[in-house]
């Protein structure tokens, strides 16, 4: 958790002083000095689902914004890692709240949607399925390829990422875009069909 060299050395203290005096570029010295140890410490402490880079960035932003609270000549590393610990705790709490919300309300929302859908006439489902086929045909070639890989061929995300030379996160984003485009397209076609029936 501590920096291998004393964190209150003259070079660091000078960069901190210049930053407090308005030289934003001087804070780069601080980031370069502590980025690797901070990310290493976070990597050993974050639970699954939390992005180390995001917490590290929030830590540096918080430290920059609160630099007036730092006492010159004291252990800057300890001060910075305390902020990191707080940022990590905040992010963990946020994710727990989201998980709690989904566990409490997710089943109820799912049941409502299932009830709503079960009340639809069978021909409505035929129209929805026809619309989905037309919307799939209208997808751009790259998005359609991702949909086919994932849902037709059932290829794992990691393999999809390797095939297209992208990260897993990028593949997930492309799949999300495809699902959004399909949902919007189907809803538009259903709204047109409803308008035509009136």
N, C-alpha and C. Protein backbone atom coordinates (compact mmCIF):
# COMPACT_ATOMS: atom_id res chain seq x y z
N UNK A 1 0.82 -1.20 0.00
CA UNK A 1 0.00 0.00 0.00
C UNK A 1 0.86 1.25 0.00
N UNK A 2 2.09 1.16 0.40
CA UNK A 2 2.92 2.35 0.45
C UNK A 2 3.85 2.40 -0.74
N UNK A 3 4.28 3.61 -1.03
CA UNK A 3 5.19 3.86 -2.13
C UNK A 3 6.59 3.43 -1.69
N UNK A 4 7.41 2.84 -2.60
CA UNK A 4 8.73 2.38 -2.20
C UNK A 4 9.65 3.50 -1.76
N UNK A 5 9.47 4.72 -2.21
CA UNK A 5 10.28 5.85 -1.77
C UNK A 5 9.42 6.72 -0.87
N UNK A 6 10.03 7.48 0.02
CA UNK A 6 9.22 8.30 0.93
C UNK A 6 8.29 9.21 0.15
N UNK A 7 7.01 9.19 0.54
CA UNK A 7 6.03 9.93 -0.23
C UNK A 7 6.06 11.42 0.06
N UNK A 8 6.83 11.85 1.05
CA UNK A 8 6.89 13.28 1.34
C UNK A 8 8.19 13.89 0.86
N UNK A 9 8.81 13.27 -0.18
CA UNK A 9 10.07 13.80 -0.68
C UNK A 9 9.84 15.15 -1.36
N UNK A 10 10.92 15.84 -1.59
CA UNK A 10 10.85 17.22 -2.08
C UNK A 10 10.19 17.33 -3.45
N UNK A 11 10.46 16.38 -4.35
CA UNK A 11 9.88 16.44 -5.70
C UNK A 11 8.36 16.31 -5.66
N UNK A 12 7.89 15.37 -4.88
CA UNK A 12 6.43 15.17 -4.76
C UNK A 12 5.79 16.37 -4.08
N UNK A 13 6.40 16.83 -2.98
CA UNK A 13 5.83 17.98 -2.27
C UNK A 13 5.81 19.22 -3.16
N UNK A 14 6.83 19.37 -4.00
CA UNK A 14 6.87 20.50 -4.93
C UNK A 14 5.72 20.40 -5.94
N UNK A 15 5.48 19.20 -6.47
CA UNK A 15 4.38 18.99 -7.43
C UNK A 15 3.04 19.27 -6.76
N UNK A 16 2.89 18.84 -5.52
CA UNK A 16 1.63 19.08 -4.79
C UNK A 16 1.44 20.58 -4.53
N UNK A 17 2.52 21.25 -4.14
CA UNK A 17 2.44 22.69 -3.90
C UNK A 17 2.06 23.44 -5.17
N UNK A 18 2.72 23.08 -6.30
CA UNK A 18 2.42 23.74 -7.57
C UNK A 18 0.97 23.47 -8.00
N UNK A 19 0.48 22.25 -7.74
CA UNK A 19 -0.91 21.93 -8.08
C UNK A 19 -1.86 22.79 -7.25
N UNK A 20 -1.58 22.89 -5.96
CA UNK A 20 -2.44 23.74 -5.10
C UNK A 20 -2.40 25.19 -5.53
N UNK A 21 -1.27 25.61 -6.10
CA UNK A 21 -1.12 27.00 -6.57
C UNK A 21 -1.74 27.22 -7.95
N UNK A 22 -2.35 26.18 -8.52
CA UNK A 22 -3.06 26.35 -9.79
C UNK A 22 -2.43 25.71 -11.01
N UNK A 23 -1.27 25.09 -10.85
CA UNK A 23 -0.61 24.43 -11.97
C UNK A 23 -1.18 23.02 -12.13
N UNK A 24 -2.22 22.89 -12.95
CA UNK A 24 -2.90 21.60 -13.11
C UNK A 24 -1.96 20.53 -13.65
N UNK A 25 -1.05 20.91 -14.52
CA UNK A 25 -0.13 19.94 -15.13
C UNK A 25 0.80 19.31 -14.09
N UNK A 26 1.03 19.98 -12.98
CA UNK A 26 1.92 19.44 -11.95
C UNK A 26 1.33 18.18 -11.31
N UNK A 27 0.03 18.03 -11.36
CA UNK A 27 -0.60 16.84 -10.76
C UNK A 27 -0.25 15.57 -11.54
N UNK A 28 0.21 15.74 -12.77
CA UNK A 28 0.62 14.58 -13.56
C UNK A 28 1.76 13.84 -12.87
N UNK A 29 2.64 14.57 -12.20
CA UNK A 29 3.73 13.95 -11.44
C UNK A 29 3.16 13.03 -10.37
N UNK A 30 2.12 13.48 -9.71
CA UNK A 30 1.48 12.69 -8.66
C UNK A 30 0.88 11.42 -9.26
N UNK A 31 0.18 11.58 -10.36
CA UNK A 31 -0.47 10.43 -11.00
C UNK A 31 0.59 9.41 -11.44
N UNK A 32 1.63 9.89 -12.09
CA UNK A 32 2.68 8.97 -12.54
C UNK A 32 3.34 8.23 -11.38
N UNK A 33 3.49 8.93 -10.29
CA UNK A 33 4.15 8.35 -9.13
C UNK A 33 3.30 7.26 -8.47
N UNK A 34 1.98 7.47 -8.43
CA UNK A 34 1.13 6.57 -7.66
C UNK A 34 0.19 5.71 -8.49
N UNK A 35 0.15 5.90 -9.79
CA UNK A 35 -0.80 5.15 -10.61
C UNK A 35 -0.61 3.64 -10.48
N UNK A 36 0.60 3.18 -10.66
CA UNK A 36 0.85 1.73 -10.61
C UNK A 36 0.61 1.15 -9.22
N UNK A 37 1.17 1.74 -8.16
CA UNK A 37 0.90 1.16 -6.83
C UNK A 37 -0.58 1.21 -6.45
N UNK A 38 -1.26 2.28 -6.86
CA UNK A 38 -2.69 2.40 -6.53
C UNK A 38 -3.50 1.34 -7.26
N UNK A 39 -3.25 1.18 -8.56
CA UNK A 39 -3.98 0.17 -9.32
C UNK A 39 -3.67 -1.24 -8.81
N UNK A 40 -2.42 -1.48 -8.43
CA UNK A 40 -2.06 -2.79 -7.88
C UNK A 40 -2.80 -3.06 -6.58
N UNK A 41 -2.83 -2.06 -5.72
CA UNK A 41 -3.55 -2.22 -4.45
C UNK A 41 -5.03 -2.47 -4.69
N UNK A 42 -5.62 -1.69 -5.59
CA UNK A 42 -7.04 -1.86 -5.89
C UNK A 42 -7.32 -3.24 -6.48
N UNK A 43 -6.45 -3.70 -7.37
CA UNK A 43 -6.65 -5.01 -8.00
C UNK A 43 -6.72 -6.12 -6.96
N UNK A 44 -6.01 -5.96 -5.87
CA UNK A 44 -6.04 -6.95 -4.82
C UNK A 44 -7.22 -6.83 -3.87
N UNK A 45 -7.96 -5.73 -3.98
CA UNK A 45 -9.04 -5.50 -3.02
C UNK A 45 -10.43 -5.40 -3.64
N UNK A 46 -10.52 -5.23 -4.96
CA UNK A 46 -11.86 -5.06 -5.55
C UNK A 46 -12.59 -6.39 -5.65
N UNK A 47 -13.88 -6.38 -5.33
CA UNK A 47 -14.68 -7.59 -5.56
C UNK A 47 -15.02 -7.69 -7.04
N UNK A 48 -15.49 -8.85 -7.49
CA UNK A 48 -15.88 -9.00 -8.90
C UNK A 48 -16.93 -7.97 -9.29
N UNK A 49 -16.83 -7.48 -10.51
CA UNK A 49 -17.82 -6.53 -11.02
C UNK A 49 -17.42 -5.08 -10.88
N UNK A 50 -16.32 -4.81 -10.20
CA UNK A 50 -15.87 -3.43 -10.03
C UNK A 50 -14.63 -3.21 -10.89
N UNK A 51 -14.64 -2.11 -11.63
CA UNK A 51 -13.56 -1.79 -12.55
C UNK A 51 -12.44 -1.05 -11.81
N UNK A 52 -11.27 -1.65 -11.75
CA UNK A 52 -10.11 -1.06 -11.07
C UNK A 52 -9.79 0.31 -11.65
N UNK A 53 -9.78 0.42 -12.97
CA UNK A 53 -9.43 1.68 -13.61
C UNK A 53 -10.40 2.79 -13.23
N UNK A 54 -11.68 2.46 -13.14
CA UNK A 54 -12.70 3.46 -12.78
C UNK A 54 -12.47 3.96 -11.36
N UNK A 55 -12.22 3.05 -10.44
CA UNK A 55 -12.00 3.46 -9.04
C UNK A 55 -10.70 4.26 -8.93
N UNK A 56 -9.67 3.87 -9.65
CA UNK A 56 -8.40 4.60 -9.62
C UNK A 56 -8.61 6.02 -10.15
N UNK A 57 -9.34 6.15 -11.24
CA UNK A 57 -9.58 7.47 -11.80
C UNK A 57 -10.36 8.34 -10.82
N UNK A 58 -11.39 7.78 -10.22
CA UNK A 58 -12.18 8.54 -9.24
C UNK A 58 -11.32 8.95 -8.05
N UNK A 59 -10.39 8.08 -7.67
CA UNK A 59 -9.49 8.40 -6.56
C UNK A 59 -8.62 9.60 -6.89
N UNK A 60 -8.03 9.60 -8.07
CA UNK A 60 -7.17 10.74 -8.45
C UNK A 60 -7.98 12.03 -8.60
N UNK A 61 -9.18 11.91 -9.14
CA UNK A 61 -10.02 13.11 -9.28
C UNK A 61 -10.38 13.65 -7.89
N UNK A 62 -10.77 12.74 -6.98
CA UNK A 62 -11.12 13.17 -5.62
C UNK A 62 -9.92 13.79 -4.92
N UNK A 63 -8.75 13.18 -5.09
CA UNK A 63 -7.54 13.72 -4.47
C UNK A 63 -7.23 15.11 -5.01
N UNK A 64 -7.36 15.28 -6.31
CA UNK A 64 -7.11 16.58 -6.92
C UNK A 64 -8.08 17.64 -6.37
N UNK A 65 -9.36 17.25 -6.30
CA UNK A 65 -10.38 18.20 -5.83
C UNK A 65 -10.22 18.53 -4.34
N UNK A 66 -9.66 17.60 -3.57
CA UNK A 66 -9.53 17.80 -2.12
C UNK A 66 -8.09 18.09 -1.70
N UNK A 67 -7.27 18.48 -2.63
CA UNK A 67 -5.86 18.67 -2.33
C UNK A 67 -5.63 19.69 -1.21
N UNK A 68 -6.56 20.60 -1.06
CA UNK A 68 -6.42 21.60 0.02
C UNK A 68 -6.54 20.94 1.40
N UNK A 69 -7.12 19.73 1.47
CA UNK A 69 -7.25 19.00 2.74
C UNK A 69 -5.96 18.28 3.13
N UNK A 70 -5.06 18.07 2.17
CA UNK A 70 -3.82 17.37 2.45
C UNK A 70 -2.88 18.28 3.24
N UNK A 71 -2.28 17.71 4.30
CA UNK A 71 -1.32 18.45 5.11
C UNK A 71 0.08 18.27 4.53
N UNK A 72 0.68 19.31 3.96
CA UNK A 72 2.03 19.17 3.39
C UNK A 72 3.01 18.61 4.42
N UNK A 73 3.89 17.74 3.93
CA UNK A 73 4.90 17.14 4.79
C UNK A 73 4.46 15.84 5.44
N UNK A 74 3.19 15.49 5.31
CA UNK A 74 2.71 14.22 5.86
C UNK A 74 2.77 13.15 4.77
N UNK A 75 2.34 11.96 5.08
CA UNK A 75 2.41 10.85 4.15
C UNK A 75 1.31 10.97 3.09
N UNK A 76 1.67 11.47 1.92
CA UNK A 76 0.68 11.63 0.85
C UNK A 76 0.11 10.28 0.42
N UNK A 77 0.96 9.25 0.37
CA UNK A 77 0.50 7.92 -0.05
C UNK A 77 -0.62 7.43 0.86
N UNK A 78 -0.45 7.59 2.15
CA UNK A 78 -1.49 7.15 3.09
C UNK A 78 -2.78 7.94 2.86
N UNK A 79 -2.66 9.22 2.63
CA UNK A 79 -3.82 10.07 2.36
C UNK A 79 -4.53 9.63 1.08
N UNK A 80 -3.75 9.39 0.03
CA UNK A 80 -4.30 8.97 -1.25
C UNK A 80 -4.98 7.60 -1.15
N UNK A 81 -4.35 6.66 -0.46
CA UNK A 81 -4.92 5.32 -0.34
C UNK A 81 -6.17 5.31 0.55
N UNK A 82 -6.26 6.27 1.46
CA UNK A 82 -7.48 6.41 2.25
C UNK A 82 -8.63 6.85 1.35
N UNK A 83 -8.34 7.75 0.44
CA UNK A 83 -9.35 8.17 -0.53
C UNK A 83 -9.74 6.99 -1.41
N UNK A 84 -8.76 6.21 -1.84
CA UNK A 84 -9.04 5.03 -2.67
C UNK A 84 -9.92 4.05 -1.93
N UNK A 85 -9.64 3.83 -0.66
CA UNK A 85 -10.45 2.92 0.14
C UNK A 85 -11.90 3.42 0.21
N UNK A 86 -12.07 4.72 0.39
CA UNK A 86 -13.42 5.31 0.43
C UNK A 86 -14.11 5.16 -0.93
N UNK A 87 -13.39 5.43 -2.01
CA UNK A 87 -13.97 5.31 -3.35
C UNK A 87 -14.38 3.86 -3.63
N UNK A 88 -13.56 2.92 -3.20
CA UNK A 88 -13.87 1.51 -3.39
C UNK A 88 -15.11 1.13 -2.58
N UNK A 89 -15.19 1.60 -1.36
CA UNK A 89 -16.35 1.31 -0.52
C UNK A 89 -17.62 1.91 -1.14
N UNK A 90 -17.52 3.12 -1.67
CA UNK A 90 -18.67 3.77 -2.30
C UNK A 90 -19.14 2.98 -3.51
N UNK A 91 -18.21 2.54 -4.35
CA UNK A 91 -18.57 1.78 -5.55
C UNK A 91 -19.16 0.41 -5.18
N UNK A 92 -18.60 -0.23 -4.16
CA UNK A 92 -19.14 -1.51 -3.71
C UNK A 92 -20.56 -1.34 -3.19
N UNK A 93 -20.79 -0.30 -2.43
CA UNK A 93 -22.14 -0.02 -1.91
C UNK A 93 -23.11 0.24 -3.05
N UNK A 94 -22.67 1.00 -4.04
CA UNK A 94 -23.54 1.31 -5.18
C UNK A 94 -23.94 0.02 -5.91
N UNK A 95 -22.98 -0.86 -6.14
CA UNK A 95 -23.29 -2.12 -6.83
C UNK A 95 -24.19 -3.02 -5.99
N UNK A 96 -23.98 -3.01 -4.68
CA UNK A 96 -24.87 -3.81 -3.81
C UNK A 96 -26.30 -3.29 -3.87
N UNK A 97 -26.45 -1.97 -3.90
CA UNK A 97 -27.79 -1.40 -3.99
C UNK A 97 -28.48 -1.79 -5.29
N UNK A 98 -27.72 -1.75 -6.37
CA UNK A 98 -28.29 -2.15 -7.66
C UNK A 98 -28.70 -3.62 -7.62
N UNK A 99 -27.83 -4.47 -7.08
CA UNK A 99 -28.15 -5.90 -7.00
C UNK A 99 -29.35 -6.13 -6.10
N UNK A 100 -29.42 -5.38 -4.99
CA UNK A 100 -30.55 -5.51 -4.08
C UNK A 100 -31.84 -5.09 -4.76
N UNK A 101 -31.78 -3.98 -5.50
CA UNK A 101 -32.96 -3.50 -6.22
C UNK A 101 -33.46 -4.56 -7.20
N UNK A 102 -32.53 -5.11 -7.96
CA UNK A 102 -32.91 -6.12 -8.95
C UNK A 102 -33.45 -7.38 -8.29
N UNK A 103 -32.85 -7.76 -7.16
CA UNK A 103 -33.35 -8.97 -6.50
C UNK A 103 -34.72 -8.75 -5.87
N UNK A 104 -35.01 -7.52 -5.45
CA UNK A 104 -36.31 -7.23 -4.84
C UNK A 104 -37.41 -7.01 -5.88
N UNK A 105 -37.08 -6.22 -6.90
CA UNK A 105 -38.11 -5.79 -7.83
C UNK A 105 -38.08 -6.50 -9.17
N UNK A 106 -36.95 -7.12 -9.49
CA UNK A 106 -36.83 -7.82 -10.76
C UNK A 106 -37.89 -8.88 -10.97
N UNK A 107 -38.06 -9.80 -10.00
CA UNK A 107 -39.08 -10.85 -10.19
C UNK A 107 -40.49 -10.28 -10.39
N UNK A 108 -40.83 -9.23 -9.64
CA UNK A 108 -42.15 -8.63 -9.79
C UNK A 108 -42.33 -8.01 -11.17
N UNK A 109 -41.32 -7.28 -11.63
CA UNK A 109 -41.40 -6.68 -12.96
C UNK A 109 -41.49 -7.74 -14.05
N UNK A 110 -40.72 -8.81 -13.88
CA UNK A 110 -40.76 -9.91 -14.84
C UNK A 110 -42.15 -10.55 -14.86
N UNK A 111 -42.73 -10.76 -13.69
CA UNK A 111 -44.06 -11.36 -13.63
C UNK A 111 -45.10 -10.46 -14.30
N UNK A 112 -45.01 -9.16 -14.07
CA UNK A 112 -45.95 -8.22 -14.72
C UNK A 112 -45.83 -8.29 -16.23
N UNK A 113 -44.58 -8.33 -16.71
CA UNK A 113 -44.38 -8.39 -18.16
C UNK A 113 -44.91 -9.71 -18.73
N UNK A 114 -44.66 -10.79 -18.02
CA UNK A 114 -45.19 -12.09 -18.48
C UNK A 114 -46.72 -12.09 -18.48
N UNK A 115 -47.31 -11.50 -17.46
CA UNK A 115 -48.78 -11.40 -17.42
C UNK A 115 -49.29 -10.58 -18.58
N UNK A 116 -48.63 -9.46 -18.83
CA UNK A 116 -49.06 -8.59 -19.93
C UNK A 116 -48.97 -9.32 -21.27
N UNK A 117 -47.86 -10.02 -21.45
CA UNK A 117 -47.66 -10.72 -22.72
C UNK A 117 -48.62 -11.91 -22.88
N UNK A 118 -48.94 -12.55 -21.78
CA UNK A 118 -49.84 -13.71 -21.88
C UNK A 118 -51.27 -13.27 -22.24
N UNK A 119 -51.58 -12.00 -22.01
CA UNK A 119 -52.90 -11.49 -22.34
C UNK A 119 -53.01 -11.11 -23.82
N UNK A 120 -51.89 -11.05 -24.53
CA UNK A 120 -51.92 -10.68 -25.95
C UNK A 120 -52.48 -11.84 -26.78
N UNK A 121 -53.18 -11.50 -27.81
CA UNK A 121 -53.76 -12.51 -28.71
C UNK A 121 -52.64 -13.25 -29.44
N UNK A 122 -52.85 -14.53 -29.77
CA UNK A 122 -51.83 -15.31 -30.48
C UNK A 122 -51.40 -14.68 -31.81
N UNK A 123 -52.36 -14.07 -32.53
CA UNK A 123 -51.98 -13.45 -33.80
C UNK A 123 -51.03 -12.27 -33.59
N UNK A 124 -51.10 -11.66 -32.39
CA UNK A 124 -50.18 -10.56 -32.08
C UNK A 124 -48.75 -11.12 -32.03
N UNK A 125 -48.59 -12.31 -31.49
CA UNK A 125 -47.28 -12.93 -31.43
C UNK A 125 -46.77 -13.28 -32.82
N UNK A 126 -47.67 -13.69 -33.70
CA UNK A 126 -47.28 -13.96 -35.08
C UNK A 126 -46.77 -12.69 -35.74
N UNK A 127 -47.49 -11.59 -35.50
CA UNK A 127 -47.08 -10.29 -36.06
C UNK A 127 -45.73 -9.87 -35.50
N UNK A 128 -45.55 -10.09 -34.20
CA UNK A 128 -44.28 -9.73 -33.54
C UNK A 128 -43.13 -10.56 -34.14
N UNK A 129 -43.35 -11.84 -34.33
CA UNK A 129 -42.31 -12.71 -34.88
C UNK A 129 -41.99 -12.33 -36.33
N UNK A 130 -43.01 -12.04 -37.14
CA UNK A 130 -42.78 -11.59 -38.51
C UNK A 130 -41.98 -10.29 -38.52
N UNK A 131 -42.33 -9.39 -37.61
CA UNK A 131 -41.61 -8.12 -37.52
C UNK A 131 -40.15 -8.35 -37.14
N UNK A 132 -39.92 -9.27 -36.22
CA UNK A 132 -38.54 -9.56 -35.81
C UNK A 132 -37.72 -10.09 -36.98
N UNK A 133 -38.30 -10.97 -37.78
CA UNK A 133 -37.58 -11.49 -38.95
C UNK A 133 -37.23 -10.37 -39.93
N UNK A 134 -38.18 -9.48 -40.17
CA UNK A 134 -37.92 -8.35 -41.07
C UNK A 134 -36.86 -7.41 -40.49
N UNK A 135 -36.92 -7.20 -39.20
CA UNK A 135 -35.95 -6.31 -38.55
C UNK A 135 -34.55 -6.93 -38.55
N UNK A 136 -34.47 -8.24 -38.37
CA UNK A 136 -33.16 -8.91 -38.45
C UNK A 136 -32.55 -8.72 -39.84
N UNK A 137 -33.39 -8.87 -40.88
CA UNK A 137 -32.91 -8.68 -42.25
C UNK A 137 -32.45 -7.25 -42.50
N UNK A 138 -33.02 -6.29 -41.75
CA UNK A 138 -32.68 -4.89 -41.96
C UNK A 138 -31.46 -4.44 -41.16
N UNK A 139 -30.97 -5.29 -40.24
CA UNK A 139 -29.78 -4.92 -39.45
C UNK A 139 -28.58 -4.73 -40.36
N UNK A 140 -27.68 -3.84 -39.95
CA UNK A 140 -26.43 -3.69 -40.69
C UNK A 140 -25.65 -4.99 -40.61
N UNK A 141 -24.79 -5.21 -41.58
CA UNK A 141 -24.05 -6.48 -41.66
C UNK A 141 -23.23 -6.76 -40.40
N UNK A 142 -22.50 -5.76 -39.85
CA UNK A 142 -21.72 -6.08 -38.64
C UNK A 142 -22.61 -6.48 -37.46
N UNK A 143 -23.71 -5.76 -37.24
CA UNK A 143 -24.58 -6.10 -36.13
C UNK A 143 -25.23 -7.47 -36.34
N UNK A 144 -25.63 -7.74 -37.58
CA UNK A 144 -26.25 -9.03 -37.87
C UNK A 144 -25.27 -10.18 -37.62
N UNK A 145 -24.00 -9.95 -37.94
CA UNK A 145 -22.98 -10.97 -37.70
C UNK A 145 -22.88 -11.27 -36.20
N UNK A 146 -22.87 -10.22 -35.37
CA UNK A 146 -22.80 -10.43 -33.93
C UNK A 146 -24.02 -11.20 -33.42
N UNK A 147 -25.20 -10.85 -33.92
CA UNK A 147 -26.43 -11.53 -33.52
C UNK A 147 -26.37 -13.01 -33.92
N UNK A 148 -25.95 -13.26 -35.15
CA UNK A 148 -25.85 -14.65 -35.61
C UNK A 148 -24.86 -15.45 -34.78
N UNK A 149 -23.69 -14.88 -34.53
CA UNK A 149 -22.70 -15.58 -33.74
C UNK A 149 -23.24 -15.93 -32.35
N UNK A 150 -23.88 -14.96 -31.72
CA UNK A 150 -24.31 -15.16 -30.34
C UNK A 150 -25.55 -16.04 -30.21
N UNK A 151 -26.55 -15.77 -31.06
CA UNK A 151 -27.85 -16.42 -30.86
C UNK A 151 -28.13 -17.58 -31.81
N UNK A 152 -27.50 -17.59 -32.96
CA UNK A 152 -27.67 -18.72 -33.88
C UNK A 152 -26.61 -19.79 -33.60
N UNK A 153 -25.34 -19.35 -33.58
CA UNK A 153 -24.24 -20.29 -33.39
C UNK A 153 -23.88 -20.50 -31.92
N UNK A 154 -24.42 -19.64 -31.03
CA UNK A 154 -24.18 -19.72 -29.58
C UNK A 154 -22.70 -19.70 -29.24
N UNK A 155 -21.99 -18.78 -29.87
CA UNK A 155 -20.55 -18.64 -29.65
C UNK A 155 -20.33 -17.83 -28.36
N UNK A 156 -19.41 -18.27 -27.49
CA UNK A 156 -19.11 -17.50 -26.27
C UNK A 156 -18.56 -16.11 -26.61
N UNK A 157 -18.77 -15.17 -25.71
CA UNK A 157 -18.33 -13.79 -25.93
C UNK A 157 -16.82 -13.71 -26.17
N UNK A 158 -16.06 -14.49 -25.43
CA UNK A 158 -14.60 -14.45 -25.58
C UNK A 158 -14.18 -14.85 -26.99
N UNK A 159 -14.83 -15.87 -27.54
CA UNK A 159 -14.50 -16.30 -28.90
C UNK A 159 -14.94 -15.26 -29.92
N UNK A 160 -16.09 -14.64 -29.68
CA UNK A 160 -16.54 -13.58 -30.58
C UNK A 160 -15.52 -12.44 -30.60
N UNK A 161 -15.02 -12.09 -29.41
CA UNK A 161 -14.03 -11.02 -29.31
C UNK A 161 -12.77 -11.38 -30.09
N UNK A 162 -12.34 -12.63 -29.96
CA UNK A 162 -11.14 -13.07 -30.68
C UNK A 162 -11.37 -13.04 -32.19
N UNK A 163 -12.55 -13.44 -32.63
CA UNK A 163 -12.85 -13.47 -34.06
C UNK A 163 -12.82 -12.09 -34.69
N UNK A 164 -13.31 -11.09 -33.96
CA UNK A 164 -13.41 -9.76 -34.57
C UNK A 164 -12.31 -8.81 -34.11
N UNK A 165 -11.41 -9.29 -33.25
CA UNK A 165 -10.29 -8.46 -32.81
C UNK A 165 -10.70 -7.33 -31.88
N UNK A 166 -11.76 -7.55 -31.10
CA UNK A 166 -12.22 -6.54 -30.14
C UNK A 166 -12.22 -7.12 -28.74
N UNK A 167 -12.43 -6.25 -27.77
CA UNK A 167 -12.53 -6.71 -26.38
C UNK A 167 -13.91 -7.31 -26.14
N UNK A 168 -14.03 -8.07 -25.07
CA UNK A 168 -15.33 -8.64 -24.69
C UNK A 168 -16.32 -7.51 -24.42
N UNK A 169 -15.85 -6.44 -23.78
CA UNK A 169 -16.74 -5.30 -23.49
C UNK A 169 -17.26 -4.69 -24.79
N UNK A 170 -16.42 -4.59 -25.81
CA UNK A 170 -16.85 -4.04 -27.10
C UNK A 170 -17.87 -4.95 -27.76
N UNK A 171 -17.68 -6.26 -27.63
CA UNK A 171 -18.64 -7.21 -28.19
C UNK A 171 -19.98 -7.07 -27.48
N UNK A 172 -19.94 -6.95 -26.15
CA UNK A 172 -21.18 -6.77 -25.39
C UNK A 172 -21.91 -5.50 -25.84
N UNK A 173 -21.15 -4.45 -26.09
CA UNK A 173 -21.76 -3.19 -26.52
C UNK A 173 -22.42 -3.36 -27.89
N UNK A 174 -21.76 -4.08 -28.78
CA UNK A 174 -22.35 -4.30 -30.11
C UNK A 174 -23.63 -5.12 -30.01
N UNK A 175 -23.63 -6.13 -29.14
CA UNK A 175 -24.84 -6.92 -28.94
C UNK A 175 -25.96 -6.07 -28.34
N UNK A 176 -25.60 -5.19 -27.42
CA UNK A 176 -26.59 -4.29 -26.83
C UNK A 176 -27.18 -3.38 -27.91
N UNK A 177 -26.32 -2.84 -28.77
CA UNK A 177 -26.80 -1.99 -29.87
C UNK A 177 -27.74 -2.77 -30.79
N UNK A 178 -27.38 -4.01 -31.08
CA UNK A 178 -28.22 -4.83 -31.96
C UNK A 178 -29.58 -5.08 -31.31
N UNK A 179 -29.58 -5.41 -30.02
CA UNK A 179 -30.86 -5.65 -29.33
C UNK A 179 -31.71 -4.39 -29.28
N UNK A 180 -31.06 -3.25 -29.04
CA UNK A 180 -31.80 -1.98 -29.02
C UNK A 180 -32.41 -1.69 -30.39
N UNK A 181 -31.62 -1.88 -31.44
CA UNK A 181 -32.11 -1.62 -32.80
C UNK A 181 -33.27 -2.55 -33.13
N UNK A 182 -33.15 -3.82 -32.75
CA UNK A 182 -34.22 -4.78 -33.02
C UNK A 182 -35.49 -4.43 -32.25
N UNK A 183 -35.33 -4.07 -31.00
CA UNK A 183 -36.49 -3.73 -30.18
C UNK A 183 -37.21 -2.51 -30.75
N UNK A 184 -36.45 -1.49 -31.10
CA UNK A 184 -37.06 -0.28 -31.67
C UNK A 184 -37.75 -0.59 -32.99
N UNK A 185 -37.10 -1.38 -33.82
CA UNK A 185 -37.67 -1.73 -35.12
C UNK A 185 -38.97 -2.51 -34.95
N UNK A 186 -38.97 -3.52 -34.07
CA UNK A 186 -40.17 -4.33 -33.85
C UNK A 186 -41.30 -3.46 -33.30
N UNK A 187 -40.98 -2.61 -32.33
CA UNK A 187 -42.02 -1.75 -31.75
C UNK A 187 -42.60 -0.79 -32.79
N UNK A 188 -41.75 -0.26 -33.66
CA UNK A 188 -42.22 0.63 -34.72
C UNK A 188 -43.15 -0.12 -35.68
N UNK A 189 -42.75 -1.32 -36.06
CA UNK A 189 -43.59 -2.12 -36.98
C UNK A 189 -44.92 -2.50 -36.32
N UNK A 190 -44.89 -2.83 -35.05
CA UNK A 190 -46.13 -3.17 -34.35
C UNK A 190 -47.04 -1.95 -34.23
N UNK A 191 -46.45 -0.79 -33.97
CA UNK A 191 -47.25 0.43 -33.88
C UNK A 191 -47.90 0.74 -35.24
N UNK A 192 -47.15 0.52 -36.32
CA UNK A 192 -47.71 0.74 -37.66
C UNK A 192 -48.85 -0.26 -37.92
N UNK A 193 -48.65 -1.51 -37.51
CA UNK A 193 -49.68 -2.53 -37.71
C UNK A 193 -50.93 -2.18 -36.90
N UNK A 194 -50.73 -1.69 -35.68
CA UNK A 194 -51.88 -1.28 -34.87
C UNK A 194 -52.60 -0.10 -35.51
N UNK A 195 -51.84 0.82 -36.06
CA UNK A 195 -52.44 1.98 -36.74
C UNK A 195 -53.22 1.57 -37.96
N UNK A 196 -52.73 0.54 -38.66
CA UNK A 196 -53.41 0.06 -39.85
C UNK A 196 -54.69 -0.69 -39.56
N UNK A 197 -54.74 -1.22 -38.30
CA UNK A 197 -55.93 -1.99 -37.93
C UNK A 197 -57.09 -1.08 -37.52
N UNK A 198 -56.77 0.14 -37.11
CA UNK A 198 -57.81 1.04 -36.62
C UNK A 198 -58.59 1.65 -37.76
